[in-house]
Amino acid sequence: GEVAQDVVARRLRFRDDRTGDFTDDFD
């Protein structure tokens, strides 16, 4: 739930590239 709240608040974004999944952590 805590991680989901970060996604909703746009503090955390999931992205994809050729090396696999990664996430951007916002301040």
mmCIF file of all heavy atoms, coordinates in Angstrom:
data_MODEL
# 
_entry.id   MODEL 
# 
loop_
_atom_site.group_PDB 
_atom_site.id 
_atom_site.type_symbol 
_atom_site.label_atom_id 
_atom_site.label_alt_id 
_atom_site.label_comp_id 
_atom_site.label_asym_id 
_atom_site.label_entity_id 
_atom_site.label_seq_id 
_atom_site.pdbx_PDB_ins_code 
_atom_site.Cartn_x 
_atom_site.Cartn_y 
_atom_site.Cartn_z 
_atom_site.occupancy 
_atom_site.B_iso_or_equiv 
_atom_site.pdbx_formal_charge 
_atom_site.auth_seq_id 
_atom_site.auth_comp_id 
_atom_site.auth_asym_id 
_atom_site.auth_atom_id 
_atom_site.pdbx_PDB_model_num 
ATOM 1   N N   . GLY A 1 1  ? 0.807  -1.209 0.000   1.00 0.00 ? 1  GLY A N   1 
ATOM 2   C CA  . GLY A 1 1  ? 0.000  0.000  0.000   1.00 0.00 ? 1  GLY A CA  1 
ATOM 3   C C   . GLY A 1 1  ? 0.841  1.260  0.000   1.00 0.00 ? 1  GLY A C   1 
ATOM 4   O O   . GLY A 1 1  ? 0.490  2.262  -0.638  1.00 0.00 ? 1  GLY A O   1 
ATOM 5   N N   . GLU A 1 2  ? 1.969  1.204  0.701   1.00 0.00 ? 2  GLU A N   1 
ATOM 6   C CA  . GLU A 1 2  ? 2.860  2.365  0.769   1.00 0.00 ? 2  GLU A CA  1 
ATOM 7   C C   . GLU A 1 2  ? 3.491  2.641  -0.585  1.00 0.00 ? 2  GLU A C   1 
ATOM 8   O O   . GLU A 1 2  ? 3.595  3.801  -1.024  1.00 0.00 ? 2  GLU A O   1 
ATOM 9   C CB  . GLU A 1 2  ? 3.934  2.105  1.826   1.00 0.00 ? 2  GLU A CB  1 
ATOM 10  C CG  . GLU A 1 2  ? 4.891  3.247  2.058   1.00 0.00 ? 2  GLU A CG  1 
ATOM 11  C CD  . GLU A 1 2  ? 5.912  2.896  3.128   1.00 0.00 ? 2  GLU A CD  1 
ATOM 12  O OE1 . GLU A 1 2  ? 5.505  2.739  4.297   1.00 0.00 ? 2  GLU A OE1 1 
ATOM 13  O OE2 . GLU A 1 2  ? 7.116  2.769  2.777   1.00 0.00 ? 2  GLU A OE2 1 
ATOM 14  N N   . VAL A 1 3  ? 3.922  1.580  -1.275  1.00 0.00 ? 3  VAL A N   1 
ATOM 15  C CA  . VAL A 1 3  ? 4.505  1.741  -2.608  1.00 0.00 ? 3  VAL A CA  1 
ATOM 16  C C   . VAL A 1 3  ? 3.447  2.266  -3.579  1.00 0.00 ? 3  VAL A C   1 
ATOM 17  O O   . VAL A 1 3  ? 3.719  3.143  -4.402  1.00 0.00 ? 3  VAL A O   1 
ATOM 18  C CB  . VAL A 1 3  ? 5.084  0.406  -3.115  1.00 0.00 ? 3  VAL A CB  1 
ATOM 19  C CG1 . VAL A 1 3  ? 5.562  0.536  -4.562  1.00 0.00 ? 3  VAL A CG1 1 
ATOM 20  C CG2 . VAL A 1 3  ? 6.230  -0.047 -2.228  1.00 0.00 ? 3  VAL A CG2 1 
ATOM 21  N N   . ALA A 1 4  ? 2.217  1.730  -3.476  1.00 0.00 ? 4  ALA A N   1 
ATOM 22  C CA  . ALA A 1 4  ? 1.137  2.181  -4.353  1.00 0.00 ? 4  ALA A CA  1 
ATOM 23  C C   . ALA A 1 4  ? 0.860  3.669  -4.168  1.00 0.00 ? 4  ALA A C   1 
ATOM 24  O O   . ALA A 1 4  ? 0.622  4.401  -5.135  1.00 0.00 ? 4  ALA A O   1 
ATOM 25  C CB  . ALA A 1 4  ? -0.119 1.370  -4.078  1.00 0.00 ? 4  ALA A CB  1 
ATOM 26  N N   . GLN A 1 5  ? 0.900  4.145  -2.933  1.00 0.00 ? 5  GLN A N   1 
ATOM 27  C CA  . GLN A 1 5  ? 0.669  5.562  -2.675  1.00 0.00 ? 5  GLN A CA  1 
ATOM 28  C C   . GLN A 1 5  ? 1.755  6.417  -3.319  1.00 0.00 ? 5  GLN A C   1 
ATOM 29  O O   . GLN A 1 5  ? 1.473  7.521  -3.812  1.00 0.00 ? 5  GLN A O   1 
ATOM 30  C CB  . GLN A 1 5  ? 0.603  5.811  -1.171  1.00 0.00 ? 5  GLN A CB  1 
ATOM 31  C CG  . GLN A 1 5  ? -0.653 5.256  -0.521  1.00 0.00 ? 5  GLN A CG  1 
ATOM 32  C CD  . GLN A 1 5  ? -0.605 5.304  0.991   1.00 0.00 ? 5  GLN A CD  1 
ATOM 33  O OE1 . GLN A 1 5  ? 0.366  5.776  1.573   1.00 0.00 ? 5  GLN A OE1 1 
ATOM 34  N NE2 . GLN A 1 5  ? -1.655 4.805  1.634   1.00 0.00 ? 5  GLN A NE2 1 
ATOM 35  N N   . ASP A 1 6  ? 2.992  5.918  -3.357  1.00 0.00 ? 6  ASP A N   1 
ATOM 36  C CA  . ASP A 1 6  ? 4.063  6.652  -4.018  1.00 0.00 ? 6  ASP A CA  1 
ATOM 37  C C   . ASP A 1 6  ? 3.816  6.740  -5.523  1.00 0.00 ? 6  ASP A C   1 
ATOM 38  O O   . ASP A 1 6  ? 4.112  7.764  -6.157  1.00 0.00 ? 6  ASP A O   1 
ATOM 39  C CB  . ASP A 1 6  ? 5.414  5.975  -3.765  1.00 0.00 ? 6  ASP A CB  1 
ATOM 40  C CG  . ASP A 1 6  ? 5.988  6.314  -2.401  1.00 0.00 ? 6  ASP A CG  1 
ATOM 41  O OD1 . ASP A 1 6  ? 5.438  7.202  -1.733  1.00 0.00 ? 6  ASP A OD1 1 
ATOM 42  O OD2 . ASP A 1 6  ? 6.986  5.679  -2.005  1.00 0.00 ? 6  ASP A OD2 1 
ATOM 43  N N   . VAL A 1 7  ? 3.282  5.656  -6.109  1.00 0.00 ? 7  VAL A N   1 
ATOM 44  C CA  . VAL A 1 7  ? 2.974  5.671  -7.534  1.00 0.00 ? 7  VAL A CA  1 
ATOM 45  C C   . VAL A 1 7  ? 1.864  6.678  -7.823  1.00 0.00 ? 7  VAL A C   1 
ATOM 46  O O   . VAL A 1 7  ? 1.960  7.488  -8.748  1.00 0.00 ? 7  VAL A O   1 
ATOM 47  C CB  . VAL A 1 7  ? 2.565  4.267  -8.019  1.00 0.00 ? 7  VAL A CB  1 
ATOM 48  C CG1 . VAL A 1 7  ? 2.086  4.316  -9.484  1.00 0.00 ? 7  VAL A CG1 1 
ATOM 49  C CG2 . VAL A 1 7  ? 3.717  3.285  -7.883  1.00 0.00 ? 7  VAL A CG2 1 
ATOM 50  N N   . VAL A 1 8  ? 0.807  6.634  -7.026  1.00 0.00 ? 8  VAL A N   1 
ATOM 51  C CA  . VAL A 1 8  ? -0.325 7.533  -7.227  1.00 0.00 ? 8  VAL A CA  1 
ATOM 52  C C   . VAL A 1 8  ? 0.096  8.991  -7.061  1.00 0.00 ? 8  VAL A C   1 
ATOM 53  O O   . VAL A 1 8  ? -0.347 9.876  -7.802  1.00 0.00 ? 8  VAL A O   1 
ATOM 54  C CB  . VAL A 1 8  ? -1.466 7.180  -6.252  1.00 0.00 ? 8  VAL A CB  1 
ATOM 55  C CG1 . VAL A 1 8  ? -2.583 8.221  -6.310  1.00 0.00 ? 8  VAL A CG1 1 
ATOM 56  C CG2 . VAL A 1 8  ? -2.022 5.797  -6.578  1.00 0.00 ? 8  VAL A CG2 1 
ATOM 57  N N   . ALA A 1 9  ? 0.971  9.256  -6.090  1.00 0.00 ? 9  ALA A N   1 
ATOM 58  C CA  . ALA A 1 9  ? 1.448  10.614 -5.842  1.00 0.00 ? 9  ALA A CA  1 
ATOM 59  C C   . ALA A 1 9  ? 2.561  11.018 -6.812  1.00 0.00 ? 9  ALA A C   1 
ATOM 60  O O   . ALA A 1 9  ? 3.107  12.116 -6.695  1.00 0.00 ? 9  ALA A O   1 
ATOM 61  C CB  . ALA A 1 9  ? 1.952  10.738 -4.403  1.00 0.00 ? 9  ALA A CB  1 
ATOM 62  N N   . ARG A 1 10 ? 2.896  10.128 -7.748  1.00 0.00 ? 10 ARG A N   1 
ATOM 63  C CA  . ARG A 1 10 ? 3.922  10.373 -8.764  1.00 0.00 ? 10 ARG A CA  1 
ATOM 64  C C   . ARG A 1 10 ? 5.317  10.561 -8.160  1.00 0.00 ? 10 ARG A C   1 
ATOM 65  O O   . ARG A 1 10 ? 6.163  11.248 -8.725  1.00 0.00 ? 10 ARG A O   1 
ATOM 66  C CB  . ARG A 1 10 ? 3.540  11.565 -9.659  1.00 0.00 ? 10 ARG A CB  1 
ATOM 67  C CG  . ARG A 1 10 ? 2.198  11.369 -10.347 1.00 0.00 ? 10 ARG A CG  1 
ATOM 68  C CD  . ARG A 1 10 ? 1.866  12.499 -11.306 1.00 0.00 ? 10 ARG A CD  1 
ATOM 69  N NE  . ARG A 1 10 ? 0.520  12.346 -11.825 1.00 0.00 ? 10 ARG A NE  1 
ATOM 70  C CZ  . ARG A 1 10 ? 0.143  11.546 -12.826 1.00 0.00 ? 10 ARG A CZ  1 
ATOM 71  N NH1 . ARG A 1 10 ? 1.063  10.796 -13.415 1.00 0.00 ? 10 ARG A NH1 1 
ATOM 72  N NH2 . ARG A 1 10 ? -1.108 11.476 -13.212 1.00 0.00 ? 10 ARG A NH2 1 
ATOM 73  N N   . ARG A 1 11 ? 5.526  9.961  -6.992  1.00 0.00 ? 11 ARG A N   1 
ATOM 74  C CA  . ARG A 1 11 ? 6.868  9.911  -6.432  1.00 0.00 ? 11 ARG A CA  1 
ATOM 75  C C   . ARG A 1 11 ? 7.652  8.705  -6.967  1.00 0.00 ? 11 ARG A C   1 
ATOM 76  O O   . ARG A 1 11 ? 8.853  8.603  -6.783  1.00 0.00 ? 11 ARG A O   1 
ATOM 77  C CB  . ARG A 1 11 ? 6.811  9.853  -4.901  1.00 0.00 ? 11 ARG A CB  1 
ATOM 78  C CG  . ARG A 1 11 ? 6.295  11.117 -4.239  1.00 0.00 ? 11 ARG A CG  1 
ATOM 79  C CD  . ARG A 1 11 ? 6.467  11.071 -2.734  1.00 0.00 ? 11 ARG A CD  1 
ATOM 80  N NE  . ARG A 1 11 ? 5.650  10.044 -2.113  1.00 0.00 ? 11 ARG A NE  1 
ATOM 81  C CZ  . ARG A 1 11 ? 4.431  10.246 -1.615  1.00 0.00 ? 11 ARG A CZ  1 
ATOM 82  N NH1 . ARG A 1 11 ? 3.882  11.444 -1.699  1.00 0.00 ? 11 ARG A NH1 1 
ATOM 83  N NH2 . ARG A 1 11 ? 3.757  9.262  -1.053  1.00 0.00 ? 11 ARG A NH2 1 
ATOM 84  N N   . LEU A 1 12 ? 6.916  7.785  -7.586  1.00 0.00 ? 12 LEU A N   1 
ATOM 85  C CA  . LEU A 1 12 ? 7.522  6.566  -8.116  1.00 0.00 ? 12 LEU A CA  1 
ATOM 86  C C   . LEU A 1 12 ? 6.889  6.268  -9.464  1.00 0.00 ? 12 LEU A C   1 
ATOM 87  O O   . LEU A 1 12 ? 5.663  6.246  -9.580  1.00 0.00 ? 12 LEU A O   1 
ATOM 88  C CB  . LEU A 1 12 ? 7.298  5.399  -7.136  1.00 0.00 ? 12 LEU A CB  1 
ATOM 89  C CG  . LEU A 1 12 ? 7.832  4.030  -7.549  1.00 0.00 ? 12 LEU A CG  1 
ATOM 90  C CD1 . LEU A 1 12 ? 9.345  4.042  -7.614  1.00 0.00 ? 12 LEU A CD1 1 
ATOM 91  C CD2 . LEU A 1 12 ? 7.360  2.972  -6.552  1.00 0.00 ? 12 LEU A CD2 1 
ATOM 92  N N   . ARG A 1 13 ? 7.725  6.053  -10.475 1.00 0.00 ? 13 ARG A N   1 
ATOM 93  C CA  . ARG A 1 13 ? 7.222  5.762  -11.813 1.00 0.00 ? 13 ARG A CA  1 
ATOM 94  C C   . ARG A 1 13 ? 7.896  4.508  -12.338 1.00 0.00 ? 13 ARG A C   1 
ATOM 95  O O   . ARG A 1 13 ? 9.122  4.361  -12.214 1.00 0.00 ? 13 ARG A O   1 
ATOM 96  C CB  . ARG A 1 13 ? 7.501  6.946  -12.755 1.00 0.00 ? 13 ARG A CB  1 
ATOM 97  C CG  . ARG A 1 13 ? 6.986  6.713  -14.178 1.00 0.00 ? 13 ARG A CG  1 
ATOM 98  C CD  . ARG A 1 13 ? 7.255  7.922  -15.050 1.00 0.00 ? 13 ARG A CD  1 
ATOM 99  N NE  . ARG A 1 13 ? 8.682  8.243  -15.077 1.00 0.00 ? 13 ARG A NE  1 
ATOM 100 C CZ  . ARG A 1 13 ? 9.167  9.403  -15.487 1.00 0.00 ? 13 ARG A CZ  1 
ATOM 101 N NH1 . ARG A 1 13 ? 8.347  10.370 -15.840 1.00 0.00 ? 13 ARG A NH1 1 
ATOM 102 N NH2 . ARG A 1 13 ? 10.477 9.605  -15.500 1.00 0.00 ? 13 ARG A NH2 1 
ATOM 103 N N   . PHE A 1 14 ? 7.122  3.630  -12.945 1.00 0.00 ? 14 PHE A N   1 
ATOM 104 C CA  . PHE A 1 14 ? 7.664  2.418  -13.541 1.00 0.00 ? 14 PHE A CA  1 
ATOM 105 C C   . PHE A 1 14 ? 7.962  2.684  -15.013 1.00 0.00 ? 14 PHE A C   1 
ATOM 106 O O   . PHE A 1 14 ? 7.142  3.252  -15.725 1.00 0.00 ? 14 PHE A O   1 
ATOM 107 C CB  . PHE A 1 14 ? 6.661  1.265  -13.406 1.00 0.00 ? 14 PHE A CB  1 
ATOM 108 C CG  . PHE A 1 14 ? 6.623  0.649  -12.041 1.00 0.00 ? 14 PHE A CG  1 
ATOM 109 C CD1 . PHE A 1 14 ? 6.222  1.394  -10.936 1.00 0.00 ? 14 PHE A CD1 1 
ATOM 110 C CD2 . PHE A 1 14 ? 6.980  -0.676 -11.847 1.00 0.00 ? 14 PHE A CD2 1 
ATOM 111 C CE1 . PHE A 1 14 ? 6.183  0.837  -9.669  1.00 0.00 ? 14 PHE A CE1 1 
ATOM 112 C CE2 . PHE A 1 14 ? 6.945  -1.246 -10.581 1.00 0.00 ? 14 PHE A CE2 1 
ATOM 113 C CZ  . PHE A 1 14 ? 6.547  -0.488 -9.494  1.00 0.00 ? 14 PHE A CZ  1 
ATOM 114 N N   . ARG A 1 15 ? 9.160  2.240  -15.442 1.00 0.00 ? 15 ARG A N   1 
ATOM 115 C CA  . ARG A 1 15 ? 9.563  2.436  -16.823 1.00 0.00 ? 15 ARG A CA  1 
ATOM 116 C C   . ARG A 1 15 ? 10.169 1.147  -17.349 1.00 0.00 ? 15 ARG A C   1 
ATOM 117 O O   . ARG A 1 15 ? 10.515 0.247  -16.610 1.00 0.00 ? 15 ARG A O   1 
ATOM 118 C CB  . ARG A 1 15 ? 10.570 3.592  -16.937 1.00 0.00 ? 15 ARG A CB  1 
ATOM 119 C CG  . ARG A 1 15 ? 10.068 4.894  -16.347 1.00 0.00 ? 15 ARG A CG  1 
ATOM 120 C CD  . ARG A 1 15 ? 11.071 6.002  -16.484 1.00 0.00 ? 15 ARG A CD  1 
ATOM 121 N NE  . ARG A 1 15 ? 11.256 6.388  -17.876 1.00 0.00 ? 15 ARG A NE  1 
ATOM 122 C CZ  . ARG A 1 15 ? 12.136 7.305  -18.284 1.00 0.00 ? 15 ARG A CZ  1 
ATOM 123 N NH1 . ARG A 1 15 ? 12.917 7.903  -17.400 1.00 0.00 ? 15 ARG A NH1 1 
ATOM 124 N NH2 . ARG A 1 15 ? 12.246 7.624  -19.556 1.00 0.00 ? 15 ARG A NH2 1 
ATOM 125 N N   . ASP A 1 16 ? 10.287 1.055  -18.653 1.00 0.00 ? 16 ASP A N   1 
ATOM 126 C CA  . ASP A 1 16 ? 10.827 -0.120 -19.322 1.00 0.00 ? 16 ASP A CA  1 
ATOM 127 C C   . ASP A 1 16 ? 11.938 0.298  -20.274 1.00 0.00 ? 16 ASP A C   1 
ATOM 128 O O   . ASP A 1 16 ? 11.841 1.325  -20.938 1.00 0.00 ? 16 ASP A O   1 
ATOM 129 C CB  . ASP A 1 16 ? 9.731  -0.815 -20.133 1.00 0.00 ? 16 ASP A CB  1 
ATOM 130 C CG  . ASP A 1 16 ? 9.555  -2.259 -19.715 1.00 0.00 ? 16 ASP A CG  1 
ATOM 131 O OD1 . ASP A 1 16 ? 10.365 -2.741 -18.926 1.00 0.00 ? 16 ASP A OD1 1 
ATOM 132 O OD2 . ASP A 1 16 ? 8.601  -2.892 -20.187 1.00 0.00 ? 16 ASP A OD2 1 
ATOM 133 N N   . ASP A 1 17 ? 13.005 -0.495 -20.348 1.00 0.00 ? 17 ASP A N   1 
ATOM 134 C CA  . ASP A 1 17 ? 13.975 -0.328 -21.426 1.00 0.00 ? 17 ASP A CA  1 
ATOM 135 C C   . ASP A 1 17 ? 14.433 -1.713 -21.843 1.00 0.00 ? 17 ASP A C   1 
ATOM 136 O O   . ASP A 1 17 ? 13.931 -2.727 -21.389 1.00 0.00 ? 17 ASP A O   1 
ATOM 137 C CB  . ASP A 1 17 ? 15.143 0.572  -21.006 1.00 0.00 ? 17 ASP A CB  1 
ATOM 138 C CG  . ASP A 1 17 ? 16.048 -0.068 -19.952 1.00 0.00 ? 17 ASP A CG  1 
ATOM 139 O OD1 . ASP A 1 17 ? 15.777 -1.225 -19.567 1.00 0.00 ? 17 ASP A OD1 1 
ATOM 140 O OD2 . ASP A 1 17 ? 17.006 0.583  -19.525 1.00 0.00 ? 17 ASP A OD2 1 
ATOM 141 N N   . ARG A 1 18 ? 15.388 -1.789 -22.717 1.00 0.00 ? 18 ARG A N   1 
ATOM 142 C CA  . ARG A 1 18 ? 15.789 -3.091 -23.258 1.00 0.00 ? 18 ARG A CA  1 
ATOM 143 C C   . ARG A 1 18 ? 16.450 -3.981 -22.229 1.00 0.00 ? 18 ARG A C   1 
ATOM 144 O O   . ARG A 1 18 ? 16.560 -5.187 -22.424 1.00 0.00 ? 18 ARG A O   1 
ATOM 145 C CB  . ARG A 1 18 ? 16.738 -2.879 -24.444 1.00 0.00 ? 18 ARG A CB  1 
ATOM 146 C CG  . ARG A 1 18 ? 16.051 -2.224 -25.640 1.00 0.00 ? 18 ARG A CG  1 
ATOM 147 C CD  . ARG A 1 18 ? 17.018 -2.075 -26.803 1.00 0.00 ? 18 ARG A CD  1 
ATOM 148 N NE  . ARG A 1 18 ? 16.373 -1.432 -27.940 1.00 0.00 ? 18 ARG A NE  1 
ATOM 149 C CZ  . ARG A 1 18 ? 16.998 -1.150 -29.080 1.00 0.00 ? 18 ARG A CZ  1 
ATOM 150 N NH1 . ARG A 1 18 ? 18.286 -1.452 -29.220 1.00 0.00 ? 18 ARG A NH1 1 
ATOM 151 N NH2 . ARG A 1 18 ? 16.340 -0.569 -30.062 1.00 0.00 ? 18 ARG A NH2 1 
ATOM 152 N N   . THR A 1 19 ? 16.938 -3.405 -21.171 1.00 0.00 ? 19 THR A N   1 
ATOM 153 C CA  . THR A 1 19 ? 17.605 -4.226 -20.147 1.00 0.00 ? 19 THR A CA  1 
ATOM 154 C C   . THR A 1 19 ? 16.612 -4.765 -19.123 1.00 0.00 ? 19 THR A C   1 
ATOM 155 O O   . THR A 1 19 ? 16.985 -5.503 -18.235 1.00 0.00 ? 19 THR A O   1 
ATOM 156 C CB  . THR A 1 19 ? 18.662 -3.405 -19.399 1.00 0.00 ? 19 THR A CB  1 
ATOM 157 O OG1 . THR A 1 19 ? 18.026 -2.333 -18.689 1.00 0.00 ? 19 THR A OG1 1 
ATOM 158 C CG2 . THR A 1 19 ? 19.668 -2.830 -20.370 1.00 0.00 ? 19 THR A CG2 1 
ATOM 159 N N   . GLY A 1 20 ? 15.343 -4.387 -19.247 1.00 0.00 ? 20 GLY A N   1 
ATOM 160 C CA  . GLY A 1 20 ? 14.352 -4.876 -18.295 1.00 0.00 ? 20 GLY A CA  1 
ATOM 161 C C   . GLY A 1 20 ? 13.641 -3.740 -17.607 1.00 0.00 ? 20 GLY A C   1 
ATOM 162 O O   . GLY A 1 20 ? 13.762 -2.582 -17.971 1.00 0.00 ? 20 GLY A O   1 
ATOM 163 N N   . ASP A 1 21 ? 12.875 -4.079 -16.591 1.00 0.00 ? 21 ASP A N   1 
ATOM 164 C CA  . ASP A 1 21 ? 12.079 -3.085 -15.875 1.00 0.00 ? 21 ASP A CA  1 
ATOM 165 C C   . ASP A 1 21 ? 12.954 -2.310 -14.902 1.00 0.00 ? 21 ASP A C   1 
ATOM 166 O O   . ASP A 1 21 ? 13.883 -2.841 -14.321 1.00 0.00 ? 21 ASP A O   1 
ATOM 167 C CB  . ASP A 1 21 ? 10.974 -3.764 -15.057 1.00 0.00 ? 21 ASP A CB  1 
ATOM 168 C CG  . ASP A 1 21 ? 10.047 -4.572 -15.934 1.00 0.00 ? 21 ASP A CG  1 
ATOM 169 O OD1 . ASP A 1 21 ? 9.925  -4.234 -17.111 1.00 0.00 ? 21 ASP A OD1 1 
ATOM 170 O OD2 . ASP A 1 21 ? 9.464  -5.540 -15.424 1.00 0.00 ? 21 ASP A OD2 1 
ATOM 171 N N   . PHE A 1 22 ? 12.652 -1.059 -14.724 1.00 0.00 ? 22 PHE A N   1 
ATOM 172 C CA  . PHE A 1 22 ? 13.249 -0.316 -13.631 1.00 0.00 ? 22 PHE A CA  1 
ATOM 173 C C   . PHE A 1 22 ? 12.282 0.772  -13.218 1.00 0.00 ? 22 PHE A C   1 
ATOM 174 O O   . PHE A 1 22 ? 11.296 1.037  -13.879 1.00 0.00 ? 22 PHE A O   1 
ATOM 175 C CB  . PHE A 1 22 ? 14.620 0.263  -14.005 1.00 0.00 ? 22 PHE A CB  1 
ATOM 176 C CG  . PHE A 1 22 ? 14.583 1.330  -15.068 1.00 0.00 ? 22 PHE A CG  1 
ATOM 177 C CD1 . PHE A 1 22 ? 14.474 2.658  -14.711 1.00 0.00 ? 22 PHE A CD1 1 
ATOM 178 C CD2 . PHE A 1 22 ? 14.662 0.990  -16.408 1.00 0.00 ? 22 PHE A CD2 1 
ATOM 179 C CE1 . PHE A 1 22 ? 14.461 3.650  -15.683 1.00 0.00 ? 22 PHE A CE1 1 
ATOM 180 C CE2 . PHE A 1 22 ? 14.639 1.977  -17.379 1.00 0.00 ? 22 PHE A CE2 1 
ATOM 181 C CZ  . PHE A 1 22 ? 14.535 3.308  -17.029 1.00 0.00 ? 22 PHE A CZ  1 
ATOM 182 N N   . THR A 1 23 ? 12.568 1.392  -12.103 1.00 0.00 ? 23 THR A N   1 
ATOM 183 C CA  . THR A 1 23 ? 11.685 2.428  -11.591 1.00 0.00 ? 23 THR A CA  1 
ATOM 184 C C   . THR A 1 23 ? 12.478 3.684  -11.331 1.00 0.00 ? 23 THR A C   1 
ATOM 185 O O   . THR A 1 23 ? 13.678 3.642  -11.069 1.00 0.00 ? 23 THR A O   1 
ATOM 186 C CB  . THR A 1 23 ? 11.027 1.996  -10.264 1.00 0.00 ? 23 THR A CB  1 
ATOM 187 O OG1 . THR A 1 23 ? 12.061 1.710  -9.326  1.00 0.00 ? 23 THR A OG1 1 
ATOM 188 C CG2 . THR A 1 23 ? 10.136 0.799  -10.446 1.00 0.00 ? 23 THR A CG2 1 
ATOM 189 N N   . ASP A 1 24 ? 11.793 4.804  -11.433 1.00 0.00 ? 24 ASP A N   1 
ATOM 190 C CA  . ASP A 1 24 ? 12.358 6.088  -11.068 1.00 0.00 ? 24 ASP A CA  1 
ATOM 191 C C   . ASP A 1 24 ? 11.809 6.462  -9.712  1.00 0.00 ? 24 ASP A C   1 
ATOM 192 O O   . ASP A 1 24 ? 10.589 6.499  -9.532  1.00 0.00 ? 24 ASP A O   1 
ATOM 193 C CB  . ASP A 1 24 ? 11.956 7.179  -12.067 1.00 0.00 ? 24 ASP A CB  1 
ATOM 194 C CG  . ASP A 1 24 ? 12.796 7.137  -13.333 1.00 0.00 ? 24 ASP A CG  1 
ATOM 195 O OD1 . ASP A 1 24 ? 13.853 6.487  -13.301 1.00 0.00 ? 24 ASP A OD1 1 
ATOM 196 O OD2 . ASP A 1 24 ? 12.377 7.726  -14.339 1.00 0.00 ? 24 ASP A OD2 1 
ATOM 197 N N   . ASP A 1 25 ? 12.660 6.748  -8.760  1.00 0.00 ? 25 ASP A N   1 
ATOM 198 C CA  . ASP A 1 25 ? 12.234 7.214  -7.451  1.00 0.00 ? 25 ASP A CA  1 
ATOM 199 C C   . ASP A 1 25 ? 12.306 8.730  -7.413  1.00 0.00 ? 25 ASP A C   1 
ATOM 200 O O   . ASP A 1 25 ? 13.364 9.308  -7.617  1.00 0.00 ? 25 ASP A O   1 
ATOM 201 C CB  . ASP A 1 25 ? 13.111 6.632  -6.335  1.00 0.00 ? 25 ASP A CB  1 
ATOM 202 C CG  . ASP A 1 25 ? 12.794 5.181  -6.088  1.00 0.00 ? 25 ASP A CG  1 
ATOM 203 O OD1 . ASP A 1 25 ? 11.647 4.911  -5.695  1.00 0.00 ? 25 ASP A OD1 1 
ATOM 204 O OD2 . ASP A 1 25 ? 13.669 4.334  -6.297  1.00 0.00 ? 25 ASP A OD2 1 
ATOM 205 N N   . PHE A 1 26 ? 11.175 9.358  -7.128  1.00 0.00 ? 26 PHE A N   1 
ATOM 206 C CA  . PHE A 1 26 ? 11.101 10.796 -7.031  1.00 0.00 ? 26 PHE A CA  1 
ATOM 207 C C   . PHE A 1 26 ? 11.396 11.217 -5.596  1.00 0.00 ? 26 PHE A C   1 
ATOM 208 O O   . PHE A 1 26 ? 11.158 10.473 -4.661  1.00 0.00 ? 26 PHE A O   1 
ATOM 209 C CB  . PHE A 1 26 ? 9.696  11.293 -7.393  1.00 0.00 ? 26 PHE A CB  1 
ATOM 210 C CG  . PHE A 1 26 ? 9.371  11.187 -8.851  1.00 0.00 ? 26 PHE A CG  1 
ATOM 211 C CD1 . PHE A 1 26 ? 9.443  9.978  -9.525  1.00 0.00 ? 26 PHE A CD1 1 
ATOM 212 C CD2 . PHE A 1 26 ? 8.976  12.298 -9.553  1.00 0.00 ? 26 PHE A CD2 1 
ATOM 213 C CE1 . PHE A 1 26 ? 9.119  9.884  -10.858 1.00 0.00 ? 26 PHE A CE1 1 
ATOM 214 C CE2 . PHE A 1 26 ? 8.640  12.210 -10.895 1.00 0.00 ? 26 PHE A CE2 1 
ATOM 215 C CZ  . PHE A 1 26 ? 8.727  11.008 -11.547 1.00 0.00 ? 26 PHE A CZ  1 
ATOM 216 N N   . ASP A 1 27 ? 11.861 12.433 -5.429  1.00 0.00 ? 27 ASP A N   1 
ATOM 217 C CA  . ASP A 1 27 ? 11.963 12.998 -4.095  1.00 0.00 ? 27 ASP A CA  1 
ATOM 218 C C   . ASP A 1 27 ? 10.563 13.308 -3.590  1.00 0.00 ? 27 ASP A C   1 
ATOM 219 O O   . ASP A 1 27 ? 9.587  13.271 -4.343  1.00 0.00 ? 27 ASP A O   1 
ATOM 220 C CB  . ASP A 1 27 ? 12.789 14.284 -4.116  1.00 0.00 ? 27 ASP A CB  1 
ATOM 221 C CG  . ASP A 1 27 ? 14.234 13.998 -4.528  1.00 0.00 ? 27 ASP A CG  1 
ATOM 222 O OD1 . ASP A 1 27 ? 14.701 12.877 -4.254  1.00 0.00 ? 27 ASP A OD1 1 
ATOM 223 O OD2 . ASP A 1 27 ? 14.856 14.892 -5.136  1.00 0.00 ? 27 ASP A OD2 1 
# 
